[in-house]
Amino acid sequence: MAYVEFDADEVMQEFGDASVVSELAGIVRTDLGGYAGDLQAAYAAGRLDEVRRIAHAIKGAAGNVAARAVCTLASAIDNGLRAGDTAVAAQTPDLVAACGRLEREIGEWLETLAQSSHASPARSAGNS
């Protein structure tokens, strides 16, 4: 399955071991859920320093799974707010939505990885 929000092939090439990738992706997925909720709340409350801090954290998490679009959007918000451009904060709802899409795709990918790891021993056992 092709993924829109991140490059699964690049992540597998970068880390190699499926169990390491699965653990990393699971952590990123969990983090994104928390970040998205916190980001939405900070934006709604007008706490732009917190929006910048969370966008920075999202940028790092997204980078771990080669999620370039999320990374780029989070970076734009982080860098813009750091430079004093408060108008860039208007992109925050887009980042929240992108985090949700990425979180869902990572979940689908993790399910696929789990299914393929469970299928492999069965195929091997059938060939013995």
N, C-alpha and C. Protein backbone atom coordinates (compact mmCIF):
# COMPACT_ATOMS: atom_id res chain seq x y z
N MET A 1 0.84 -1.19 0.00
CA MET A 1 0.00 0.00 0.00
C MET A 1 0.88 1.24 0.00
N ALA A 2 0.52 2.22 -0.81
CA ALA A 2 1.25 3.48 -0.85
C ALA A 2 0.70 4.41 0.23
N TYR A 3 1.59 5.13 0.84
CA TYR A 3 1.20 6.07 1.89
C TYR A 3 1.46 7.48 1.41
N VAL A 4 0.53 8.38 1.69
CA VAL A 4 0.62 9.76 1.25
C VAL A 4 1.43 10.59 2.23
N GLU A 5 1.26 10.35 3.51
CA GLU A 5 1.81 11.21 4.54
C GLU A 5 3.26 10.92 4.91
N PHE A 6 3.75 9.73 4.61
CA PHE A 6 5.13 9.41 4.98
C PHE A 6 5.70 8.37 4.01
N ASP A 7 7.01 8.23 4.04
CA ASP A 7 7.70 7.32 3.12
C ASP A 7 8.10 6.05 3.88
N ALA A 8 7.22 5.05 3.84
CA ALA A 8 7.46 3.81 4.58
C ALA A 8 8.73 3.11 4.10
N ASP A 9 8.97 3.14 2.80
CA ASP A 9 10.17 2.50 2.27
C ASP A 9 11.44 3.15 2.80
N GLU A 10 11.44 4.47 2.86
CA GLU A 10 12.62 5.18 3.38
C GLU A 10 12.86 4.85 4.84
N VAL A 11 11.79 4.77 5.61
CA VAL A 11 11.93 4.45 7.03
C VAL A 11 12.51 3.04 7.20
N MET A 12 12.00 2.10 6.40
CA MET A 12 12.53 0.73 6.49
C MET A 12 14.00 0.68 6.07
N GLN A 13 14.37 1.42 5.04
CA GLN A 13 15.77 1.45 4.60
C GLN A 13 16.66 2.09 5.67
N GLU A 14 16.16 3.14 6.28
CA GLU A 14 16.94 3.87 7.28
C GLU A 14 17.22 3.01 8.51
N PHE A 15 16.19 2.31 8.99
CA PHE A 15 16.33 1.59 10.25
C PHE A 15 16.50 0.09 10.07
N GLY A 16 16.07 -0.43 8.91
CA GLY A 16 16.30 -1.83 8.57
C GLY A 16 15.48 -2.85 9.31
N ASP A 17 15.61 -2.94 10.58
CA ASP A 17 14.96 -3.97 11.38
C ASP A 17 13.48 -3.63 11.59
N ALA A 18 12.60 -4.53 11.19
CA ALA A 18 11.16 -4.28 11.28
C ALA A 18 10.71 -4.04 12.72
N SER A 19 11.32 -4.71 13.69
CA SER A 19 10.90 -4.51 15.08
C SER A 19 11.29 -3.12 15.58
N VAL A 20 12.45 -2.63 15.15
CA VAL A 20 12.88 -1.28 15.52
C VAL A 20 11.95 -0.25 14.87
N VAL A 21 11.67 -0.46 13.60
CA VAL A 21 10.79 0.46 12.86
C VAL A 21 9.41 0.47 13.48
N SER A 22 8.91 -0.69 13.81
CA SER A 22 7.59 -0.80 14.42
C SER A 22 7.53 -0.05 15.75
N GLU A 23 8.56 -0.22 16.55
CA GLU A 23 8.60 0.46 17.85
C GLU A 23 8.67 1.97 17.66
N LEU A 24 9.54 2.42 16.78
CA LEU A 24 9.69 3.85 16.50
C LEU A 24 8.38 4.44 15.98
N ALA A 25 7.78 3.77 15.00
CA ALA A 25 6.54 4.28 14.42
C ALA A 25 5.43 4.32 15.46
N GLY A 26 5.39 3.34 16.33
CA GLY A 26 4.39 3.33 17.40
C GLY A 26 4.56 4.51 18.35
N ILE A 27 5.80 4.82 18.68
CA ILE A 27 6.08 5.97 19.55
C ILE A 27 5.67 7.26 18.85
N VAL A 28 6.04 7.40 17.59
CA VAL A 28 5.69 8.61 16.84
C VAL A 28 4.17 8.75 16.76
N ARG A 29 3.49 7.65 16.49
CA ARG A 29 2.02 7.69 16.39
C ARG A 29 1.40 8.16 17.70
N THR A 30 1.86 7.60 18.80
CA THR A 30 1.34 8.00 20.12
C THR A 30 1.64 9.47 20.39
N ASP A 31 2.86 9.88 20.11
CA ASP A 31 3.25 11.28 20.33
C ASP A 31 2.40 12.23 19.50
N LEU A 32 2.16 11.87 18.24
CA LEU A 32 1.38 12.75 17.36
C LEU A 32 -0.02 12.98 17.89
N GLY A 33 -0.63 11.94 18.42
CA GLY A 33 -1.96 12.09 19.00
C GLY A 33 -1.98 13.11 20.12
N GLY A 34 -1.00 13.03 21.00
CA GLY A 34 -0.90 14.00 22.10
C GLY A 34 -0.56 15.39 21.61
N TYR A 35 0.39 15.46 20.68
CA TYR A 35 0.80 16.76 20.14
C TYR A 35 -0.36 17.46 19.46
N ALA A 36 -1.14 16.72 18.67
CA ALA A 36 -2.24 17.34 17.92
C ALA A 36 -3.26 17.95 18.87
N GLY A 37 -3.62 17.21 19.91
CA GLY A 37 -4.58 17.74 20.88
C GLY A 37 -4.04 18.95 21.61
N ASP A 38 -2.78 18.88 22.04
CA ASP A 38 -2.15 20.00 22.74
C ASP A 38 -2.01 21.21 21.82
N LEU A 39 -1.67 20.95 20.55
CA LEU A 39 -1.50 22.03 19.59
C LEU A 39 -2.82 22.74 19.35
N GLN A 40 -3.87 21.98 19.18
CA GLN A 40 -5.19 22.57 18.96
C GLN A 40 -5.61 23.43 20.15
N ALA A 41 -5.38 22.92 21.35
CA ALA A 41 -5.75 23.66 22.57
C ALA A 41 -4.92 24.94 22.70
N ALA A 42 -3.62 24.85 22.44
CA ALA A 42 -2.75 26.03 22.54
C ALA A 42 -3.15 27.09 21.52
N TYR A 43 -3.46 26.66 20.32
CA TYR A 43 -3.87 27.59 19.27
C TYR A 43 -5.19 28.27 19.64
N ALA A 44 -6.14 27.48 20.11
CA ALA A 44 -7.45 28.03 20.49
C ALA A 44 -7.32 29.04 21.62
N ALA A 45 -6.35 28.82 22.51
CA ALA A 45 -6.13 29.73 23.65
C ALA A 45 -5.21 30.89 23.30
N GLY A 46 -4.67 30.91 22.08
CA GLY A 46 -3.78 31.99 21.67
C GLY A 46 -2.39 31.92 22.29
N ARG A 47 -2.00 30.75 22.76
CA ARG A 47 -0.67 30.57 23.37
C ARG A 47 0.34 30.23 22.27
N LEU A 48 0.80 31.24 21.58
CA LEU A 48 1.65 31.03 20.40
C LEU A 48 3.03 30.49 20.75
N ASP A 49 3.56 30.80 21.93
CA ASP A 49 4.84 30.19 22.32
C ASP A 49 4.70 28.68 22.43
N GLU A 50 3.56 28.25 22.96
CA GLU A 50 3.30 26.82 23.08
C GLU A 50 3.05 26.20 21.70
N VAL A 51 2.36 26.92 20.83
CA VAL A 51 2.15 26.44 19.45
C VAL A 51 3.50 26.22 18.79
N ARG A 52 4.42 27.17 18.95
CA ARG A 52 5.75 27.04 18.36
C ARG A 52 6.49 25.84 18.93
N ARG A 53 6.44 25.67 20.22
CA ARG A 53 7.14 24.56 20.88
C ARG A 53 6.60 23.21 20.40
N ILE A 54 5.29 23.09 20.30
CA ILE A 54 4.68 21.84 19.86
C ILE A 54 4.96 21.60 18.38
N ALA A 55 4.90 22.65 17.57
CA ALA A 55 5.22 22.51 16.14
C ALA A 55 6.66 22.00 15.98
N HIS A 56 7.55 22.50 16.80
CA HIS A 56 8.95 22.05 16.76
C HIS A 56 9.04 20.55 17.09
N ALA A 57 8.30 20.13 18.11
CA ALA A 57 8.30 18.71 18.50
C ALA A 57 7.71 17.84 17.38
N ILE A 58 6.65 18.33 16.75
CA ILE A 58 6.03 17.59 15.65
C ILE A 58 7.01 17.46 14.49
N LYS A 59 7.74 18.54 14.22
CA LYS A 59 8.74 18.51 13.14
C LYS A 59 9.73 17.37 13.38
N GLY A 60 10.21 17.22 14.59
CA GLY A 60 11.16 16.16 14.91
C GLY A 60 10.54 14.78 14.79
N ALA A 61 9.34 14.62 15.32
CA ALA A 61 8.67 13.32 15.27
C ALA A 61 8.38 12.93 13.82
N ALA A 62 7.89 13.87 13.04
CA ALA A 62 7.56 13.59 11.64
C ALA A 62 8.81 13.25 10.84
N GLY A 63 9.91 13.89 11.17
CA GLY A 63 11.17 13.59 10.50
C GLY A 63 11.62 12.17 10.73
N ASN A 64 11.30 11.61 11.88
CA ASN A 64 11.68 10.23 12.18
C ASN A 64 11.00 9.20 11.29
N VAL A 65 9.87 9.58 10.71
CA VAL A 65 9.15 8.65 9.83
C VAL A 65 9.04 9.19 8.40
N ALA A 66 9.95 10.08 8.04
CA ALA A 66 10.02 10.62 6.67
C ALA A 66 8.69 11.19 6.22
N ALA A 67 8.03 11.91 7.12
CA ALA A 67 6.75 12.56 6.80
C ALA A 67 7.05 14.00 6.38
N ARG A 68 7.46 14.16 5.14
CA ARG A 68 7.98 15.45 4.67
C ARG A 68 6.96 16.59 4.71
N ALA A 69 5.73 16.32 4.31
CA ALA A 69 4.73 17.39 4.29
C ALA A 69 4.43 17.90 5.70
N VAL A 70 4.29 16.98 6.64
CA VAL A 70 4.04 17.37 8.03
C VAL A 70 5.25 18.11 8.57
N CYS A 71 6.43 17.61 8.26
CA CYS A 71 7.68 18.24 8.69
C CYS A 71 7.78 19.68 8.16
N THR A 72 7.47 19.85 6.89
CA THR A 72 7.56 21.16 6.25
C THR A 72 6.57 22.14 6.88
N LEU A 73 5.34 21.71 7.10
CA LEU A 73 4.33 22.58 7.70
C LEU A 73 4.69 22.93 9.14
N ALA A 74 5.12 21.93 9.90
CA ALA A 74 5.52 22.18 11.29
C ALA A 74 6.71 23.12 11.34
N SER A 75 7.65 22.95 10.43
CA SER A 75 8.83 23.81 10.37
C SER A 75 8.44 25.25 10.04
N ALA A 76 7.50 25.42 9.11
CA ALA A 76 7.06 26.77 8.74
C ALA A 76 6.45 27.48 9.94
N ILE A 77 5.65 26.77 10.70
CA ILE A 77 5.03 27.37 11.89
C ILE A 77 6.09 27.66 12.94
N ASP A 78 6.94 26.69 13.22
CA ASP A 78 8.01 26.85 14.20
C ASP A 78 8.90 28.04 13.84
N ASN A 79 9.43 28.03 12.63
CA ASN A 79 10.36 29.09 12.22
C ASN A 79 9.68 30.45 12.11
N GLY A 80 8.45 30.47 11.60
CA GLY A 80 7.72 31.72 11.49
C GLY A 80 7.47 32.36 12.85
N LEU A 81 6.97 31.56 13.78
CA LEU A 81 6.71 32.09 15.12
C LEU A 81 8.00 32.48 15.82
N ARG A 82 9.04 31.73 15.61
CA ARG A 82 10.34 32.05 16.20
C ARG A 82 10.82 33.42 15.70
N ALA A 83 10.51 33.72 14.43
CA ALA A 83 10.91 35.00 13.81
C ALA A 83 9.92 36.13 14.10
N GLY A 84 8.84 35.83 14.82
CA GLY A 84 7.88 36.86 15.17
C GLY A 84 6.73 37.02 14.20
N ASP A 85 6.62 36.13 13.23
CA ASP A 85 5.53 36.18 12.26
C ASP A 85 4.33 35.43 12.83
N THR A 86 3.46 36.14 13.55
CA THR A 86 2.32 35.50 14.19
C THR A 86 1.26 35.05 13.19
N ALA A 87 1.25 35.62 11.99
CA ALA A 87 0.27 35.23 10.98
C ALA A 87 0.41 33.76 10.58
N VAL A 88 1.63 33.23 10.69
CA VAL A 88 1.88 31.84 10.31
C VAL A 88 1.09 30.87 11.20
N ALA A 89 0.69 31.32 12.37
CA ALA A 89 -0.07 30.47 13.29
C ALA A 89 -1.42 30.07 12.69
N ALA A 90 -1.89 30.80 11.70
CA ALA A 90 -3.16 30.45 11.04
C ALA A 90 -3.09 29.10 10.35
N GLN A 91 -1.89 28.59 10.13
CA GLN A 91 -1.72 27.27 9.52
C GLN A 91 -1.84 26.13 10.54
N THR A 92 -1.99 26.47 11.79
CA THR A 92 -2.05 25.46 12.85
C THR A 92 -3.15 24.43 12.64
N PRO A 93 -4.39 24.84 12.28
CA PRO A 93 -5.41 23.81 12.04
C PRO A 93 -5.02 22.83 10.93
N ASP A 94 -4.28 23.31 9.92
CA ASP A 94 -3.80 22.42 8.86
C ASP A 94 -2.81 21.41 9.42
N LEU A 95 -1.96 21.86 10.34
CA LEU A 95 -0.98 20.95 10.94
C LEU A 95 -1.69 19.92 11.83
N VAL A 96 -2.70 20.35 12.56
CA VAL A 96 -3.47 19.41 13.39
C VAL A 96 -4.09 18.33 12.50
N ALA A 97 -4.68 18.75 11.39
CA ALA A 97 -5.31 17.79 10.47
C ALA A 97 -4.27 16.85 9.85
N ALA A 98 -3.12 17.40 9.48
CA ALA A 98 -2.05 16.59 8.89
C ALA A 98 -1.53 15.56 9.89
N CYS A 99 -1.44 15.95 11.15
CA CYS A 99 -1.01 15.00 12.19
C CYS A 99 -2.02 13.86 12.31
N GLY A 100 -3.29 14.18 12.23
CA GLY A 100 -4.33 13.15 12.29
C GLY A 100 -4.21 12.16 11.14
N ARG A 101 -3.99 12.70 9.94
CA ARG A 101 -3.83 11.82 8.77
C ARG A 101 -2.59 10.95 8.91
N LEU A 102 -1.50 11.55 9.36
CA LEU A 102 -0.26 10.79 9.54
C LEU A 102 -0.43 9.72 10.61
N GLU A 103 -1.07 10.07 11.69
CA GLU A 103 -1.31 9.11 12.77
C GLU A 103 -2.11 7.91 12.25
N ARG A 104 -3.15 8.17 11.44
CA ARG A 104 -3.96 7.08 10.88
C ARG A 104 -3.12 6.21 9.93
N GLU A 105 -2.33 6.85 9.08
CA GLU A 105 -1.51 6.07 8.14
C GLU A 105 -0.47 5.22 8.85
N ILE A 106 0.13 5.76 9.88
CA ILE A 106 1.10 4.97 10.65
C ILE A 106 0.39 3.76 11.26
N GLY A 107 -0.81 3.98 11.78
CA GLY A 107 -1.59 2.86 12.34
C GLY A 107 -1.85 1.78 11.31
N GLU A 108 -2.24 2.19 10.09
CA GLU A 108 -2.48 1.22 9.02
C GLU A 108 -1.18 0.46 8.68
N TRP A 109 -0.09 1.21 8.63
CA TRP A 109 1.19 0.60 8.30
C TRP A 109 1.63 -0.39 9.37
N LEU A 110 1.43 -0.01 10.63
CA LEU A 110 1.79 -0.92 11.73
C LEU A 110 0.97 -2.20 11.67
N GLU A 111 -0.32 -2.08 11.30
CA GLU A 111 -1.15 -3.27 11.14
C GLU A 111 -0.61 -4.16 10.03
N THR A 112 -0.21 -3.55 8.92
CA THR A 112 0.36 -4.30 7.80
C THR A 112 1.65 -5.00 8.22
N LEU A 113 2.51 -4.29 8.95
CA LEU A 113 3.75 -4.91 9.43
C LEU A 113 3.46 -6.09 10.35
N ALA A 114 2.49 -5.91 11.24
CA ALA A 114 2.15 -6.98 12.18
C ALA A 114 1.60 -8.19 11.45
N GLN A 115 0.75 -7.95 10.45
CA GLN A 115 0.18 -9.05 9.69
C GLN A 115 1.26 -9.79 8.90
N SER A 116 2.19 -9.06 8.32
CA SER A 116 3.24 -9.71 7.54
C SER A 116 4.20 -10.48 8.43
N SER A 117 4.43 -9.99 9.64
CA SER A 117 5.33 -10.72 10.55
C SER A 117 4.65 -11.98 11.08
N HIS A 118 3.32 -11.94 11.22
CA HIS A 118 2.59 -13.14 11.66
C HIS A 118 2.46 -14.14 10.51
N ALA A 119 2.39 -13.65 9.30
CA ALA A 119 2.23 -14.53 8.14
C ALA A 119 3.54 -15.24 7.81
N SER A 120 4.67 -14.59 8.05
CA SER A 120 5.97 -15.18 7.69
C SER A 120 6.22 -16.53 8.36
N PRO A 121 6.03 -16.66 9.69
CA PRO A 121 6.29 -17.96 10.32
C PRO A 121 5.34 -19.04 9.78
N ALA A 122 4.11 -18.68 9.47
CA ALA A 122 3.16 -19.67 8.97
C ALA A 122 3.61 -20.19 7.61
N ARG A 123 4.10 -19.29 6.77
CA ARG A 123 4.60 -19.74 5.47
C ARG A 123 5.81 -20.64 5.65
N SER A 124 6.68 -20.27 6.58
CA SER A 124 7.88 -21.09 6.82
C SER A 124 7.50 -22.45 7.34
N ALA A 125 6.53 -22.49 8.26
CA ALA A 125 6.11 -23.76 8.85
C ALA A 125 5.49 -24.66 7.78
N GLY A 126 4.76 -24.05 6.84
CA GLY A 126 4.13 -24.83 5.78
C GLY A 126 5.13 -25.40 4.81
N ASN A 127 6.30 -24.81 4.73
CA ASN A 127 7.33 -25.26 3.80
C ASN A 127 8.27 -26.27 4.42
N SER A 128 8.11 -26.57 5.70
CA SER A 128 9.03 -27.49 6.38
C SER A 128 8.73 -28.91 6.08
